[in-house]
């Protein structure tokens, strides 16, 4: 199955370097990581909790509707 995910640039670059150094494809690295996370969850490990981080500001700076915002986010990225 194909899907699109947004990965932080430093993490993506590190994953590509790891894959290259170990003779793996990026797909193999991602699938292995997902399998490990899901397997750990099944044996009762503590689930990952993302820390809440907020920033001062007024929120979205545009009054655009969601389809417009989404189009702007993916502009130039093939989406």
N, C-alpha and C. Protein backbone atom coordinates (compact mmCIF):
# COMPACT_ATOMS: atom_id res chain seq x y z
N UNK A 1 0.85 -1.17 0.00
CA UNK A 1 0.00 0.00 0.00
C UNK A 1 0.89 1.24 0.00
N UNK A 2 0.49 2.22 -0.73
CA UNK A 2 1.25 3.47 -0.78
C UNK A 2 0.53 4.53 0.05
N UNK A 3 1.34 5.35 0.73
CA UNK A 3 0.80 6.47 1.48
C UNK A 3 1.84 7.56 1.53
N UNK A 4 1.46 8.73 1.98
CA UNK A 4 2.39 9.84 2.11
C UNK A 4 2.46 10.22 3.58
N UNK A 5 3.69 10.35 4.09
CA UNK A 5 3.88 10.80 5.46
C UNK A 5 4.86 11.96 5.46
N UNK A 6 4.71 12.82 6.43
CA UNK A 6 5.60 13.97 6.57
C UNK A 6 6.60 13.63 7.67
N UNK A 7 7.87 13.52 7.33
CA UNK A 7 8.92 13.16 8.28
C UNK A 7 9.88 14.36 8.39
N UNK A 8 10.26 14.67 9.61
CA UNK A 8 11.21 15.77 9.83
C UNK A 8 12.48 15.52 9.01
N UNK A 9 12.99 16.56 8.38
CA UNK A 9 14.15 16.43 7.50
C UNK A 9 15.34 15.76 8.16
N UNK A 10 15.73 16.15 9.38
CA UNK A 10 16.89 15.47 9.99
C UNK A 10 16.65 13.97 10.20
N UNK A 11 15.45 13.59 10.60
CA UNK A 11 15.13 12.18 10.80
C UNK A 11 15.15 11.43 9.48
N UNK A 12 14.60 12.04 8.44
CA UNK A 12 14.60 11.43 7.11
C UNK A 12 16.02 11.20 6.61
N UNK A 13 16.88 12.21 6.76
CA UNK A 13 18.26 12.09 6.30
C UNK A 13 19.01 11.02 7.09
N UNK A 14 18.77 10.94 8.40
CA UNK A 14 19.42 9.92 9.21
C UNK A 14 18.95 8.52 8.81
N UNK A 15 17.66 8.38 8.53
CA UNK A 15 17.13 7.09 8.10
C UNK A 15 17.71 6.67 6.75
N UNK A 16 17.85 7.62 5.82
CA UNK A 16 18.45 7.32 4.53
C UNK A 16 19.91 6.89 4.68
N UNK A 17 20.66 7.57 5.55
CA UNK A 17 22.05 7.22 5.79
C UNK A 17 22.16 5.83 6.42
N UNK A 18 21.28 5.54 7.36
CA UNK A 18 21.27 4.23 8.00
C UNK A 18 21.00 3.15 6.97
N UNK A 19 19.98 3.37 6.14
CA UNK A 19 19.63 2.39 5.11
C UNK A 19 20.80 2.14 4.17
N UNK A 20 21.44 3.20 3.74
CA UNK A 20 22.57 3.08 2.82
C UNK A 20 23.74 2.33 3.47
N UNK A 21 24.03 2.67 4.70
CA UNK A 21 25.15 2.05 5.40
C UNK A 21 24.94 0.57 5.67
N UNK A 22 23.67 0.15 5.76
CA UNK A 22 23.35 -1.23 6.07
C UNK A 22 22.82 -2.02 4.86
N UNK A 23 22.90 -1.41 3.68
CA UNK A 23 22.46 -2.09 2.47
C UNK A 23 20.96 -2.37 2.43
N UNK A 24 20.19 -1.46 3.00
CA UNK A 24 18.74 -1.61 3.05
C UNK A 24 18.07 -0.50 2.26
N UNK A 25 16.82 -0.72 1.91
CA UNK A 25 16.05 0.36 1.32
C UNK A 25 15.42 1.17 2.45
N UNK A 26 15.04 2.40 2.15
CA UNK A 26 14.37 3.23 3.15
C UNK A 26 13.07 2.56 3.58
N UNK A 27 12.40 1.94 2.65
CA UNK A 27 11.15 1.23 2.95
C UNK A 27 11.40 0.14 4.01
N UNK A 28 12.48 -0.62 3.86
CA UNK A 28 12.80 -1.67 4.82
C UNK A 28 13.05 -1.10 6.21
N UNK A 29 13.75 0.02 6.27
CA UNK A 29 14.04 0.66 7.55
C UNK A 29 12.74 1.11 8.22
N UNK A 30 11.87 1.74 7.47
CA UNK A 30 10.60 2.23 8.02
C UNK A 30 9.72 1.07 8.47
N UNK A 31 9.62 0.03 7.64
CA UNK A 31 8.79 -1.12 8.01
C UNK A 31 9.33 -1.82 9.26
N UNK A 32 10.64 -1.95 9.37
CA UNK A 32 11.24 -2.58 10.55
C UNK A 32 10.92 -1.76 11.80
N UNK A 33 11.04 -0.45 11.69
CA UNK A 33 10.73 0.42 12.82
C UNK A 33 9.27 0.31 13.25
N UNK A 34 8.37 0.30 12.29
CA UNK A 34 6.95 0.16 12.60
C UNK A 34 6.66 -1.18 13.26
N UNK A 35 7.27 -2.24 12.74
CA UNK A 35 7.06 -3.56 13.34
C UNK A 35 7.55 -3.60 14.78
N UNK A 36 8.69 -2.99 15.05
CA UNK A 36 9.23 -2.97 16.41
C UNK A 36 8.31 -2.21 17.36
N UNK A 37 7.82 -1.07 16.92
CA UNK A 37 6.92 -0.27 17.76
C UNK A 37 5.64 -1.04 18.05
N UNK A 38 5.07 -1.66 17.03
CA UNK A 38 3.82 -2.40 17.22
C UNK A 38 4.04 -3.64 18.07
N UNK A 39 5.16 -4.32 17.92
CA UNK A 39 5.45 -5.51 18.72
C UNK A 39 5.65 -5.13 20.18
N UNK A 40 6.33 -4.03 20.45
CA UNK A 40 6.56 -3.57 21.82
C UNK A 40 5.24 -3.23 22.49
N UNK A 41 4.34 -2.67 21.75
CA UNK A 41 3.04 -2.30 22.30
C UNK A 41 2.26 -3.54 22.71
N UNK A 42 2.42 -4.61 21.96
CA UNK A 42 1.67 -5.83 22.22
C UNK A 42 2.13 -6.55 23.48
N UNK A 43 3.36 -6.34 23.91
CA UNK A 43 3.86 -7.04 25.10
C UNK A 43 3.71 -6.19 26.36
N UNK A 44 2.90 -5.15 26.30
CA UNK A 44 2.60 -4.37 27.49
C UNK A 44 3.54 -3.23 27.80
N UNK A 45 4.35 -2.83 26.85
CA UNK A 45 5.26 -1.71 27.07
C UNK A 45 4.46 -0.42 27.23
N UNK A 46 5.04 0.53 27.93
CA UNK A 46 4.40 1.82 28.12
C UNK A 46 4.30 2.53 26.78
N UNK A 47 3.11 2.98 26.40
CA UNK A 47 2.97 3.65 25.11
C UNK A 47 3.70 4.99 25.10
N UNK A 48 4.14 5.38 23.91
CA UNK A 48 4.79 6.67 23.74
C UNK A 48 3.80 7.79 24.00
N UNK A 49 4.21 8.78 24.75
CA UNK A 49 3.38 9.96 25.02
C UNK A 49 4.09 11.19 24.49
N UNK A 50 3.46 11.88 23.57
CA UNK A 50 4.02 13.10 23.02
C UNK A 50 3.78 14.23 24.01
N UNK A 51 4.84 14.93 24.37
CA UNK A 51 4.71 16.03 25.31
C UNK A 51 4.00 17.19 24.63
N UNK A 52 3.11 17.82 25.38
CA UNK A 52 2.37 18.95 24.85
C UNK A 52 3.28 20.17 24.80
N UNK A 53 3.37 20.76 23.65
CA UNK A 53 4.17 21.97 23.46
C UNK A 53 3.28 23.01 22.79
N UNK A 54 3.25 24.20 23.33
CA UNK A 54 2.46 25.27 22.74
C UNK A 54 3.36 26.47 22.49
N UNK A 55 2.92 27.33 21.62
CA UNK A 55 3.67 28.51 21.24
C UNK A 55 2.75 29.71 21.28
N UNK A 56 3.30 30.81 21.68
CA UNK A 56 2.50 32.04 21.71
C UNK A 56 2.17 32.44 20.29
N UNK A 57 1.02 33.03 20.11
CA UNK A 57 0.64 33.50 18.79
C UNK A 57 -0.87 33.55 18.65
N UNK A 58 -1.29 33.86 17.47
CA UNK A 58 -2.70 34.02 17.19
C UNK A 58 -3.27 32.87 16.37
N UNK A 59 -2.55 31.78 16.25
CA UNK A 59 -3.04 30.65 15.47
C UNK A 59 -2.76 30.85 13.99
N UNK A 60 -3.59 30.26 13.16
CA UNK A 60 -3.42 30.37 11.71
C UNK A 60 -3.57 31.82 11.30
N UNK A 61 -2.63 32.30 10.49
CA UNK A 61 -2.60 33.71 10.12
C UNK A 61 -3.51 34.02 8.93
N UNK A 62 -4.18 33.02 8.40
CA UNK A 62 -5.05 33.26 7.25
C UNK A 62 -6.48 32.85 7.58
N UNK A 63 -7.41 33.43 6.92
CA UNK A 63 -8.82 33.10 7.11
C UNK A 63 -9.30 32.11 6.06
N UNK A 64 -8.36 31.35 5.48
CA UNK A 64 -8.69 30.41 4.41
C UNK A 64 -9.41 29.19 4.97
N UNK A 65 -10.18 28.53 4.09
CA UNK A 65 -10.84 27.30 4.47
C UNK A 65 -9.84 26.14 4.40
N UNK A 66 -10.18 24.99 4.95
CA UNK A 66 -9.26 23.86 5.03
C UNK A 66 -8.74 23.41 3.66
N UNK A 67 -9.57 23.28 2.61
CA UNK A 67 -9.01 22.87 1.32
C UNK A 67 -7.93 23.83 0.81
N UNK A 68 -8.09 25.13 1.07
CA UNK A 68 -7.09 26.11 0.64
C UNK A 68 -5.80 25.94 1.45
N UNK A 69 -5.93 25.76 2.75
CA UNK A 69 -4.76 25.57 3.61
C UNK A 69 -4.02 24.30 3.19
N UNK A 70 -4.75 23.21 2.97
CA UNK A 70 -4.14 21.94 2.56
C UNK A 70 -3.41 22.09 1.23
N UNK A 71 -4.02 22.79 0.28
CA UNK A 71 -3.39 23.00 -1.02
C UNK A 71 -2.08 23.78 -0.85
N UNK A 72 -2.08 24.79 0.01
CA UNK A 72 -0.88 25.58 0.24
C UNK A 72 0.21 24.76 0.92
N UNK A 73 -0.16 23.88 1.82
CA UNK A 73 0.82 23.03 2.51
C UNK A 73 1.53 22.12 1.52
N UNK A 74 0.77 21.51 0.60
CA UNK A 74 1.33 20.54 -0.32
C UNK A 74 1.79 21.14 -1.64
N UNK A 75 1.70 22.43 -1.79
CA UNK A 75 2.10 23.10 -3.02
C UNK A 75 3.57 22.79 -3.33
N UNK A 76 3.83 22.27 -4.51
CA UNK A 76 5.18 21.96 -4.92
C UNK A 76 5.70 20.64 -4.38
N UNK A 77 4.86 19.85 -3.73
CA UNK A 77 5.29 18.57 -3.17
C UNK A 77 4.58 17.40 -3.83
N UNK A 78 3.98 17.62 -4.96
CA UNK A 78 3.32 16.54 -5.68
C UNK A 78 1.94 16.18 -5.16
N UNK A 79 1.41 16.93 -4.20
CA UNK A 79 0.12 16.58 -3.61
C UNK A 79 -0.93 17.44 -4.14
